[in-house]
C-alpha atoms as a PDB file:
ATOM      1  CA  UNK A   1     138.272  40.605 160.378  1.00  0.00           C
ATOM      2  CA  UNK A   2     137.366  40.626 156.715  1.00  0.00           C
ATOM      3  CA  UNK A   3     136.853  43.688 154.459  1.00  0.00           C
ATOM      4  CA  UNK A   4     133.194  43.063 154.383  1.00  0.00           C
ATOM      5  CA  UNK A   5     132.829  42.988 158.161  1.00  0.00           C
ATOM      6  CA  UNK A   6     134.907  46.155 158.440  1.00  0.00           C
ATOM      7  CA  UNK A   7     132.570  48.128 155.975  1.00  0.00           C
ATOM      8  CA  UNK A   8     129.496  46.749 157.842  1.00  0.00           C
ATOM      9  CA  UNK A   9     130.909  47.935 161.145  1.00  0.00           C
ATOM     10  CA  UNK A  10     131.601  51.419 159.619  1.00  0.00           C
ATOM     11  CA  UNK A  11     127.874  51.769 158.613  1.00  0.00           C
ATOM     12  CA  UNK A  12     126.290  50.264 161.540  1.00  0.00           C
ATOM     13  CA  UNK A  13     128.473  51.525 164.419  1.00  0.00           C
ATOM     14  CA  UNK A  14     126.632  54.323 166.240  1.00  0.00           C
ATOM     15  CA  UNK A  15     123.924  54.092 163.617  1.00  0.00           C
ATOM     16  CA  UNK A  16     121.360  56.111 165.660  1.00  0.00           C
ATOM     17  CA  UNK A  17     123.888  58.966 166.091  1.00  0.00           C
ATOM     18  CA  UNK A  18     124.795  58.979 162.400  1.00  0.00           C
ATOM     19  CA  UNK A  19     121.068  59.190 161.499  1.00  0.00           C
ATOM     20  CA  UNK A  20     120.501  62.025 163.884  1.00  0.00           C
ATOM     21  CA  UNK A  21     123.481  63.926 162.444  1.00  0.00           C
ATOM     22  CA  UNK A  22     121.979  63.402 158.868  1.00  0.00           C
ATOM     23  CA  UNK A  23     118.642  64.706 159.945  1.00  0.00           C
ATOM     24  CA  UNK A  24     120.099  67.874 161.555  1.00  0.00           C
ATOM     25  CA  UNK A  25     122.231  68.478 158.340  1.00  0.00           C
ATOM     26  CA  UNK A  26     119.154  68.152 156.118  1.00  0.00           C
ATOM     27  CA  UNK A  27     117.207  70.564 158.399  1.00  0.00           C
ATOM     28  CA  UNK A  28     119.974  73.069 158.406  1.00  0.00           C
ATOM     29  CA  UNK A  29     120.274  72.879 154.620  1.00  0.00           C
ATOM     30  CA  UNK A  30     116.640  73.462 154.315  1.00  0.00           C
ATOM     31  CA  UNK A  31     116.681  76.433 156.691  1.00  0.00           C
ATOM     32  CA  UNK A  32     119.603  78.091 155.016  1.00  0.00           C
ATOM     33  CA  UNK A  33     118.453  77.684 151.454  1.00  0.00           C
ATOM     34  CA  UNK A  34     114.750  78.341 152.317  1.00  0.00           C
ATOM     35  CA  UNK A  35     115.787  81.669 153.807  1.00  0.00           C
ATOM     36  CA  UNK A  36     117.851  82.704 150.848  1.00  0.00           C
ATOM     37  CA  UNK A  37     116.366  85.568 148.911  1.00  0.00           C
ATOM     38  CA  UNK A  38     115.169  85.108 145.269  1.00  0.00           C
ATOM     39  CA  UNK A  39     112.971  86.858 142.818  1.00  0.00           C
ATOM     40  CA  UNK A  40     110.047  85.793 140.654  1.00  0.00           C
ATOM     41  CA  UNK A  41     108.099  87.460 137.831  1.00  0.00           C
ATOM     42  CA  UNK A  42     104.271  87.154 137.774  1.00  0.00           C
ATOM     43  CA  UNK A  43     101.731  88.412 135.137  1.00  0.00           C
ATOM     44  CA  UNK A  44      98.778  90.048 136.884  1.00  0.00           C
ATOM     45  CA  UNK A  45      95.421  91.038 135.226  1.00  0.00           C
ATOM     46  CA  UNK A  46      94.384  94.661 134.810  1.00  0.00           C
ATOM     47  CA  UNK A  47      90.881  95.788 135.489  1.00  0.00           C
ATOM     48  CA  UNK A  48      90.002  99.331 134.336  1.00  0.00           C
ATOM     49  CA  UNK A  49      86.947 101.192 135.725  1.00  0.00           C
ATOM     50  CA  UNK A  50      85.827 103.586 132.894  1.00  0.00           C
ATOM     51  CA  UNK A  51      83.567 106.679 133.043  1.00  0.00           C
ATOM     52  CA  UNK A  52      79.980 106.005 133.372  1.00  0.00           C
ATOM     53  CA  UNK A  53      79.141 109.114 131.120  1.00  0.00           C
ATOM     54  CA  UNK A  54      78.654 108.252 127.327  1.00  0.00           C
ATOM     55  CA  UNK A  55      80.328 111.466 126.436  1.00  0.00           C
ATOM     56  CA  UNK A  56      83.959 110.591 127.153  1.00  0.00           C
ATOM     57  CA  UNK A  57      85.902 107.674 125.537  1.00  0.00           C
ATOM     58  CA  UNK A  58      89.436 106.251 126.297  1.00  0.00           C
ATOM     59  CA  UNK A  59      91.431 106.081 123.084  1.00  0.00           C
ATOM     60  CA  UNK A  60      94.371 104.247 124.645  1.00  0.00           C
ATOM     61  CA  UNK A  61      94.357 100.395 124.710  1.00  0.00           C
ATOM     62  CA  UNK A  62      94.929  99.235 128.229  1.00  0.00           C
ATOM     63  CA  UNK A  63      97.152  96.082 128.368  1.00  0.00           C
ATOM     64  CA  UNK A  64      95.337  93.042 129.701  1.00  0.00           C
ATOM     65  CA  UNK A  65      98.272  92.140 132.014  1.00  0.00           C
ATOM     66  CA  UNK A  66     101.366  93.712 133.580  1.00  0.00           C
ATOM     67  CA  UNK A  67     104.639  91.997 134.651  1.00  0.00           C
ATOM     68  CA  UNK A  68     105.397  92.230 138.361  1.00  0.00           C
ATOM     69  CA  UNK A  69     108.831  91.064 139.707  1.00  0.00           C
ATOM     70  CA  UNK A  70     108.639  90.042 143.434  1.00  0.00           C
ATOM     71  CA  UNK A  71     111.668  89.507 145.742  1.00  0.00           C
ATOM     72  CA  UNK A  72     111.796  87.689 148.993  1.00  0.00           C
ATOM     73  CA  UNK A  73     112.526  84.209 150.716  1.00  0.00           C
ATOM     74  CA  UNK A  74     112.576  81.492 148.073  1.00  0.00           C
ATOM     75  CA  UNK A  75     110.382  79.275 150.105  1.00  0.00           C
ATOM     76  CA  UNK A  76     107.692  81.885 150.111  1.00  0.00           C
ATOM     77  CA  UNK A  77     108.089  82.629 146.381  1.00  0.00           C
ATOM     78  CA  UNK A  78     107.774  78.945 145.521  1.00  0.00           C
ATOM     79  CA  UNK A  79     104.240  78.918 146.946  1.00  0.00           C
ATOM     80  CA  UNK A  80     103.150  82.246 145.385  1.00  0.00           C
ATOM     81  CA  UNK A  81     100.792  82.383 142.443  1.00  0.00           C
ATOM     82  CA  UNK A  82      99.439  85.227 140.385  1.00  0.00           C
ATOM     83  CA  UNK A  83      95.835  84.435 141.594  1.00  0.00           C
ATOM     84  CA  UNK A  84      97.098  85.006 145.160  1.00  0.00           C
ATOM     85  CA  UNK A  85      97.865  88.692 144.320  1.00  0.00           C
ATOM     86  CA  UNK A  86      94.453  89.315 142.505  1.00  0.00           C
ATOM     87  CA  UNK A  87      93.978  91.846 139.761  1.00  0.00           C
ATOM     88  CA  UNK A  88      95.415  95.383 139.465  1.00  0.00           C
ATOM     89  CA  UNK A  89      92.397  97.852 139.447  1.00  0.00           C
ATOM     90  CA  UNK A  90      92.654 101.169 137.725  1.00  0.00           C
ATOM     91  CA  UNK A  91      90.077 103.841 138.603  1.00  0.00           C
ATOM     92  CA  UNK A  92      89.677 105.934 135.487  1.00  0.00           C
ATOM     93  CA  UNK A  93      86.066 107.017 136.004  1.00  0.00           C
ATOM     94  CA  UNK A  94      86.957 110.673 136.098  1.00  0.00           C
ATOM     95  CA  UNK A  95      87.776 110.567 132.429  1.00  0.00           C
ATOM     96  CA  UNK A  96      90.546 113.064 132.796  1.00  0.00           C
ATOM     97  CA  UNK A  97      93.667 111.008 133.878  1.00  0.00           C
ATOM     98  CA  UNK A  98      96.433 111.394 131.366  1.00  0.00           C
ATOM     99  CA  UNK A  99      98.915 109.037 133.101  1.00  0.00           C
ATOM    100  CA  UNK A 100      98.726 106.002 135.295  1.00  0.00           C
ATOM    101  CA  UNK A 101     101.675 105.029 137.463  1.00  0.00           C
ATOM    102  CA  UNK A 102     102.067 101.537 138.732  1.00  0.00           C
ATOM    103  CA  UNK A 103     103.381 101.781 142.311  1.00  0.00           C
ATOM    104  CA  UNK A 104     104.459  98.836 144.449  1.00  0.00           C
ATOM    105  CA  UNK A 105     101.735  99.589 147.104  1.00  0.00           C
ATOM    106  CA  UNK A 106      99.138  98.668 144.335  1.00  0.00           C
ATOM    107  CA  UNK A 107     100.327  95.085 144.536  1.00  0.00           C
ATOM    108  CA  UNK A 108      99.104  93.298 147.784  1.00  0.00           C
ATOM    109  CA  UNK A 109     102.108  90.933 148.291  1.00  0.00           C
ATOM    110  CA  UNK A 110     102.345  88.650 151.357  1.00  0.00           C
ATOM    111  CA  UNK A 111     104.523  89.822 154.393  1.00  0.00           C
ATOM    112  CA  UNK A 112     108.176  89.265 153.843  1.00  0.00           C
ATOM    113  CA  UNK A 113     107.992  89.919 149.959  1.00  0.00           C
ATOM    114  CA  UNK A 114     108.752  93.055 148.275  1.00  0.00           C
ATOM    115  CA  UNK A 115     107.762  94.339 144.719  1.00  0.00           C
ATOM    116  CA  UNK A 116     111.143  94.933 142.918  1.00  0.00           C
ATOM    117  CA  UNK A 117     109.842  96.061 139.425  1.00  0.00           C
ATOM    118  CA  UNK A 118     106.636  96.572 137.508  1.00  0.00           C
ATOM    119  CA  UNK A 119     106.534  96.427 133.644  1.00  0.00           C
ATOM    120  CA  UNK A 120     105.217  98.684 132.243  1.00  0.00           C
ATOM    121  CA  UNK A 121     105.802 101.190 135.071  1.00  0.00           C
ATOM    122  CA  UNK A 122     103.274 103.613 133.605  1.00  0.00           C
ATOM    123  CA  UNK A 123     100.668 104.096 130.902  1.00  0.00           C
ATOM    124  CA  UNK A 124      99.898 107.417 129.162  1.00  0.00           C
ATOM    125  CA  UNK A 125      96.205 107.905 128.491  1.00  0.00           C
ATOM    126  CA  UNK A 126      94.398 109.691 125.631  1.00  0.00           C
ATOM    127  CA  UNK A 127      90.752 110.736 125.955  1.00  0.00           C
ATOM    128  CA  UNK A 128      88.339 112.110 123.384  1.00  0.00           C
ATOM    129  CA  UNK A 129      84.770 113.539 123.494  1.00  0.00           C
ATOM    130  CA  UNK A 130      82.146 111.513 121.902  1.00  0.00           C
ATOM    131  CA  UNK A 131      80.172 113.241 119.044  1.00  0.00           C
ATOM    132  CA  UNK A 132      77.265 112.368 116.922  1.00  0.00           C
ATOM    133  CA  UNK A 133      76.964 113.284 113.256  1.00  0.00           C
ATOM    134  CA  UNK A 134      74.478 112.488 110.483  1.00  0.00           C
ATOM    135  CA  UNK A 135      76.190 111.189 107.120  1.00  0.00           C
ATOM    136  CA  UNK A 136      74.530 110.381 103.849  1.00  0.00           C
ATOM    137  CA  UNK A 137      74.275 106.817 102.638  1.00  0.00           C
ATOM    138  CA  UNK A 138      75.895 105.893  99.404  1.00  0.00           C
ATOM    139  CA  UNK A 139      74.445 103.091  97.315  1.00  0.00           C
ATOM    140  CA  UNK A 140      76.576 101.818  94.407  1.00  0.00           C
ATOM    141  CA  UNK A 141      75.364  99.812  91.349  1.00  0.00           C
ATOM    142  CA  UNK A 142      76.866  96.744  89.831  1.00  0.00           C
ATOM    143  CA  UNK A 143      75.928  94.763  86.745  1.00  0.00           C
ATOM    144  CA  UNK A 144      74.186  95.693  83.504  1.00  0.00           C
ATOM    145  CA  UNK A 145      70.437  95.917  82.874  1.00  0.00           C
ATOM    146  CA  UNK A 146      68.774  94.045  80.027  1.00  0.00           C
ATOM    147  CA  UNK A 147      69.730  95.222  76.504  1.00  0.00           C
ATOM    148  CA  UNK A 148      67.976  98.472  75.656  1.00  0.00           C
ATOM    149  CA  UNK A 149      67.703  99.578  79.349  1.00  0.00           C
ATOM    150  CA  UNK A 150      69.682 101.723  81.661  1.00  0.00           C
ATOM    151  CA  UNK A 151      69.736 102.870  85.314  1.00  0.00           C
ATOM    152  CA  UNK A 152      67.910 106.264  85.572  1.00  0.00           C
ATOM    153  CA  UNK A 153      69.663 108.526  88.059  1.00  0.00           C
ATOM    154  CA  UNK A 154      71.432 107.544  91.283  1.00  0.00           C
ATOM    155  CA  UNK A 155      69.951 104.921  93.544  1.00  0.00           C
ATOM    156  CA  UNK A 156      67.925 106.170  96.583  1.00  0.00           C
ATOM    157  CA  UNK A 157      67.945 104.835 100.083  1.00  0.00           C
ATOM    158  CA  UNK A 158      65.564 104.889 103.035  1.00  0.00           C
ATOM    159  CA  UNK A 159      66.830 106.286 105.330  1.00  0.00           C
ATOM    160  CA  UNK A 160      68.867 108.778 103.245  1.00  0.00           C
ATOM    161  CA  UNK A 161      71.188 109.375 106.244  1.00  0.00           C
ATOM    162  CA  UNK A 162      72.713 107.372 109.093  1.00  0.00           C
ATOM    163  CA  UNK A 163      73.813 108.634 112.520  1.00  0.00           C
ATOM    164  CA  UNK A 164      77.344 107.996 113.392  1.00  0.00           C
ATOM    165  CA  UNK A 165      78.578 108.030 117.008  1.00  0.00           C
ATOM    166  CA  UNK A 166      82.169 107.794 118.334  1.00  0.00           C
ATOM    167  CA  UNK A 167      85.275 109.597 119.138  1.00  0.00           C
ATOM    168  CA  UNK A 168      85.459 113.027 117.446  1.00  0.00           C
ATOM    169  CA  UNK A 169      88.638 112.363 115.523  1.00  0.00           C
ATOM    170  CA  UNK A 170      87.036 109.263 113.989  1.00  0.00           C
ATOM    171  CA  UNK A 171      83.561 110.584 113.256  1.00  0.00           C
ATOM    172  CA  UNK A 172      84.670 113.655 111.563  1.00  0.00           C
ATOM    173  CA  UNK A 173      86.501 111.818 108.830  1.00  0.00           C
ATOM    174  CA  UNK A 174      83.360 109.728 107.997  1.00  0.00           C
ATOM    175  CA  UNK A 175      82.050 111.478 104.907  1.00  0.00           C
ATOM    176  CA  UNK A 176      79.461 108.777 104.018  1.00  0.00           C
ATOM    177  CA  UNK A 177      78.138 105.405 104.977  1.00  0.00           C
ATOM    178  CA  UNK A 178      78.600 102.944 102.176  1.00  0.00           C
ATOM    179  CA  UNK A 179      75.819 100.247 101.625  1.00  0.00           C
ATOM    180  CA  UNK A 180      76.322  97.041  99.592  1.00  0.00           C
ATOM    181  CA  UNK A 181      76.123  97.498  95.813  1.00  0.00           C
ATOM    182  CA  UNK A 182      72.760  97.061  94.070  1.00  0.00           C
ATOM    183  CA  UNK A 183      72.944  94.338  91.369  1.00  0.00           C
ATOM    184  CA  UNK A 184      70.895  95.419  88.355  1.00  0.00           C
ATOM    185  CA  UNK A 185      71.976  92.563  86.137  1.00  0.00           C
ATOM    186  CA  UNK A 186      69.147  91.648  83.657  1.00  0.00           C
ATOM    187  CA  UNK A 187      66.601  94.137  85.013  1.00  0.00           C
ATOM    188  CA  UNK A 188      64.113  95.711  82.680  1.00  0.00           C
ATOM    189  CA  UNK A 189      61.917  98.833  83.050  1.00  0.00           C
ATOM    190  CA  UNK A 190      60.571  99.531  86.478  1.00  0.00           C
ATOM    191  CA  UNK A 191      61.463 100.412  90.013  1.00  0.00           C
ATOM    192  CA  UNK A 192      63.234  97.912  92.259  1.00  0.00           C
ATOM    193  CA  UNK A 193      63.715  98.000  96.015  1.00  0.00           C
ATOM    194  CA  UNK A 194      65.967  95.712  98.106  1.00  0.00           C
ATOM    195  CA  UNK A 195      67.407  95.683 101.675  1.00  0.00           C
ATOM    196  CA  UNK A 196      71.210  96.319 101.642  1.00  0.00           C
ATOM    197  CA  UNK A 197      73.598  95.941 104.489  1.00  0.00           C
ATOM    198  CA  UNK A 198      75.806  98.908 105.459  1.00  0.00           C
ATOM    199  CA  UNK A 199      79.582  98.362 105.385  1.00  0.00           C
ATOM    200  CA  UNK A 200      81.269  98.378 108.842  1.00  0.00           C
ATOM    201  CA  UNK A 201      82.263 101.854 109.979  1.00  0.00           C
ATOM    202  CA  UNK A 202      85.770 102.780 111.220  1.00  0.00           C
ATOM    203  CA  UNK A 203      86.905 101.324 114.604  1.00  0.00           C
ATOM    204  CA  UNK A 204      85.072 102.703 117.648  1.00  0.00           C
ATOM    205  CA  UNK A 205      82.409 104.303 115.454  1.00  0.00           C
ATOM    206  CA  UNK A 206      78.904 103.053 115.789  1.00  0.00           C
ATOM    207  CA  UNK A 207      75.940 103.538 113.331  1.00  0.00           C
ATOM    208  CA  UNK A 208      72.318 103.725 114.435  1.00  0.00           C
ATOM    209  CA  UNK A 209      71.192 101.455 111.602  1.00  0.00           C
ATOM    210  CA  UNK A 210      72.772  98.394 109.990  1.00  0.00           C
ATOM    211  CA  UNK A 211      70.849  98.225 106.731  1.00  0.00           C
ATOM    212  CA  UNK A 212      68.849 100.455 104.448  1.00  0.00           C
ATOM    213  CA  UNK A 213      66.094 100.020 101.872  1.00  0.00           C
ATOM    214  CA  UNK A 214      67.618 100.933  98.467  1.00  0.00           C
ATOM    215  CA  UNK A 215      65.702 101.699  95.301  1.00  0.00           C
ATOM    216  CA  UNK A 216      66.751 101.948  91.665  1.00  0.00           C
ATOM    217  CA  UNK A 217      64.781 102.862  88.634  1.00  0.00           C
ATOM    218  CA  UNK A 218      65.416 101.140  85.339  1.00  0.00           C
ATOM    219  CA  UNK A 219      64.260 102.837  82.047  1.00  0.00           C
ATOM    220  CA  UNK A 220      64.609 102.417  78.471  1.00  0.00           C
ATOM    221  CA  UNK A 221      67.874 103.567  76.979  1.00  0.00           C
ATOM    222  CA  UNK A 222      67.457 106.936  75.362  1.00  0.00           C
ATOM    223  CA  UNK A 223      69.544 108.110  72.297  1.00  0.00           C
ATOM    224  CA  UNK A 224      69.593 111.285  70.325  1.00  0.00           C
ATOM    225  CA  UNK A 225      69.116 111.266  66.583  1.00  0.00           C
ATOM    226  CA  UNK A 226      69.435 114.585  64.668  1.00  0.00           C
ATOM    227  CA  UNK A 227      67.701 115.598  61.358  1.00  0.00           C
ATOM    228  CA  UNK A 228      69.018 118.734  59.690  1.00  0.00           C
ATOM    229  CA  UNK A 229      67.374 121.199  57.375  1.00  0.00           C
ATOM    230  CA  UNK A 230      63.960 119.460  57.436  1.00  0.00           C
ATOM    231  CA  UNK A 231      61.431 121.311  55.213  1.00  0.00           C
ATOM    232  CA  UNK A 232      58.759 123.079  57.163  1.00  0.00           C
ATOM    233  CA  UNK A 233      55.061 122.458  56.176  1.00  0.00           C
ATOM    234  CA  UNK A 234      52.700 125.345  56.519  1.00  0.00           C
ATOM    235  CA  UNK A 235      49.029 124.382  56.783  1.00  0.00           C
ATOM    236  CA  UNK A 236      45.826 126.473  57.203  1.00  0.00           C
ATOM    237  CA  UNK A 237      46.412 129.004  54.449  1.00  0.00           C
ATOM    238  CA  UNK A 238      47.139 128.269  50.717  1.00  0.00           C
ATOM    239  CA  UNK A 239      49.585 131.161  50.036  1.00  0.00           C
ATOM    240  CA  UNK A 240      51.394 131.077  53.357  1.00  0.00           C
ATOM    241  CA  UNK A 241      55.259 130.763  53.447  1.00  0.00           C
ATOM    242  CA  UNK A 242      57.551 130.377  56.409  1.00  0.00           C
ATOM    243  CA  UNK A 243      60.851 132.112  57.083  1.00  0.00           C
ATOM    244  CA  UNK A 244      63.083 130.208  57.541  1.00  0.00           C
ATOM    245  CA  UNK A 245      61.577 127.321  55.398  1.00  0.00           C
ATOM    246  CA  UNK A 246      63.761 124.687  56.992  1.00  0.00           C
ATOM    247  CA  UNK A 247      64.419 123.723  60.685  1.00  0.00           C
ATOM    248  CA  UNK A 248      66.730 121.316  62.561  1.00  0.00           C
ATOM    249  CA  UNK A 249      65.162 118.496  64.569  1.00  0.00           C
ATOM    250  CA  UNK A 250      66.778 116.589  67.354  1.00  0.00           C
ATOM    251  CA  UNK A 251      64.948 113.613  68.859  1.00  0.00           C
ATOM    252  CA  UNK A 252      65.625 111.950  72.176  1.00  0.00           C
ATOM    253  CA  UNK A 253      64.007 108.500  71.966  1.00  0.00           C
ATOM    254  CA  UNK A 254      64.425 104.956  73.282  1.00  0.00           C
ATOM    255  CA  UNK A 255      67.142 103.301  71.199  1.00  0.00           C
ATOM    256  CA  UNK A 256      64.894 100.924  69.386  1.00  0.00           C
ATOM    257  CA  UNK A 257      62.453 103.642  68.515  1.00  0.00           C
ATOM    258  CA  UNK A 258      65.208 105.942  67.295  1.00  0.00           C
ATOM    259  CA  UNK A 259      66.695 103.264  65.044  1.00  0.00           C
ATOM    260  CA  UNK A 260      63.347 102.580  63.362  1.00  0.00           C
ATOM    261  CA  UNK A 261      62.604 106.174  62.441  1.00  0.00           C
ATOM    262  CA  UNK A 262      62.742 107.172  58.735  1.00  0.00           C
ATOM    263  CA  UNK A 263      63.320 110.735  57.507  1.00  0.00           C
ATOM    264  CA  UNK A 264      59.941 110.967  55.830  1.00  0.00           C
ATOM    265  CA  UNK A 265      58.236 110.618  59.249  1.00  0.00           C
ATOM    266  CA  UNK A 266      59.794 113.812  60.445  1.00  0.00           C
ATOM    267  CA  UNK A 267      57.342 116.471  59.230  1.00  0.00           C
ATOM    268  CA  UNK A 268      57.644 119.639  61.328  1.00  0.00           C
ATOM    269  CA  UNK A 269      54.704 122.246  60.674  1.00  0.00           C
ATOM    270  CA  UNK A 270      53.135 125.461  61.567  1.00  0.00           C
ATOM    271  CA  UNK A 271      49.402 126.055  61.730  1.00  0.00           C
ATOM    272  CA  UNK A 272      48.006 129.426  60.277  1.00  0.00           C
ATOM    273  CA  UNK A 273      44.640 130.138  61.985  1.00  0.00           C
ATOM    274  CA  UNK A 274      44.041 133.581  60.434  1.00  0.00           C
ATOM    275  CA  UNK A 275      41.507 133.688  57.450  1.00  0.00           C
ATOM    276  CA  UNK A 276      42.444 137.135  56.236  1.00  0.00           C
ATOM    277  CA  UNK A 277      43.845 137.393  52.640  1.00  0.00           C
ATOM    278  CA  UNK A 278      47.163 138.922  53.652  1.00  0.00           C
ATOM    279  CA  UNK A 279      49.091 139.028  56.969  1.00  0.00           C
ATOM    280  CA  UNK A 280      51.907 137.667  59.015  1.00  0.00           C
ATOM    281  CA  UNK A 281      52.561 136.031  62.310  1.00  0.00           C
ATOM    282  CA  UNK A 282      55.265 134.387  64.544  1.00  0.00           C
ATOM    283  CA  UNK A 283      54.168 130.805  64.939  1.00  0.00           C
ATOM    284  CA  UNK A 284      55.575 127.888  67.007  1.00  0.00           C
ATOM    285  CA  UNK A 285      56.847 124.876  65.079  1.00  0.00           C
ATOM    286  CA  UNK A 286      54.988 121.708  66.030  1.00  0.00           C
ATOM    287  CA  UNK A 287      56.176 118.080  65.790  1.00  0.00           C
ATOM    288  CA  UNK A 288      55.112 115.069  67.824  1.00  0.00           C
ATOM    289  CA  UNK A 289      56.895 111.720  67.574  1.00  0.00           C
ATOM    290  CA  UNK A 290      55.503 109.027  69.844  1.00  0.00           C
ATOM    291  CA  UNK A 291      57.957 108.052  72.746  1.00  0.00           C
ATOM    292  CA  UNK A 292      60.282 110.840  71.746  1.00  0.00           C
ATOM    293  CA  UNK A 293      61.265 114.132  73.042  1.00  0.00           C
ATOM    294  CA  UNK A 294      61.377 116.640  70.229  1.00  0.00           C
ATOM    295  CA  UNK A 295      63.837 119.613  70.036  1.00  0.00           C
ATOM    296  CA  UNK A 296      63.433 122.048  67.198  1.00  0.00           C
ATOM    297  CA  UNK A 297      65.808 124.848  66.165  1.00  0.00           C
ATOM    298  CA  UNK A 298      64.541 127.543  65.666  1.00  0.00           C
ATOM    299  CA  UNK A 299      61.396 126.850  67.801  1.00  0.00           C
ATOM    300  CA  UNK A 300      59.358 129.664  66.083  1.00  0.00           C
ATOM    301  CA  UNK A 301      59.239 131.039  62.469  1.00  0.00           C
ATOM    302  CA  UNK A 302      57.769 134.023  60.758  1.00  0.00           C
ATOM    303  CA  UNK A 303      54.790 133.157  58.452  1.00  0.00           C
ATOM    304  CA  UNK A 304      53.659 135.505  55.795  1.00  0.00           C
ATOM    305  CA  UNK A 305      50.566 135.107  53.527  1.00  0.00           C
END
């Protein structure tokens, strides 16, 4: 018998018995290895039920998922998915819990499986009361008005305050709500009103308005120009003389008006109304300059005649 015939005989002889033995071996392997224990880690979603009252807020950030390690037969674990276990629900509606423990009974695993580990095993919770506080609105200014003009006073806003609501520790540090800056570039005399957005508040703080109506007033630039020891004119009586005979004058005028003034235009005077031949009086010094505010030192003098 040749070598080829011998090999063929080894393979084909009692073929049915050999195939049956192979099938039993495969089945035994499957049963043995399928019943072997293994472990598997799954990520489960967390659903937190928060208080229905608006006066309590959770400051701790709850993780979106937790890691759950499950042990059991490998064949069962191979068919297990995170969706099969559902979400882990945390009932925090009391608003007073300071710590949440993740216990294995919270995880509904199929029969034959066991929860080995949960990561994190617990979460510490911090709560705060919700407070409401009115804070002023601040409007800044950027840019430069047209030459010869300036911004008069601080910009106003409507409303003047905004209501901030949120955790107490966040709200108490909010001293003001800042609006976008008001651009006054190139503006001339007048009042201007614009809608400006309010900057975003700190995290977890809410404002009851998102924008304000801001107003700025632009006026002519005012400068001061002094004139010292200006002779005082006495009118109304020929022989009347003033003591002192000179005064100091300080003018607050628009810059272009102040630059155009000449010293001969500055003529302070007092008016004597009495018609008697001799007498004296304390009279107020008078001076009017168009578009200027006049300050005189001293404001009154003694006039004798």
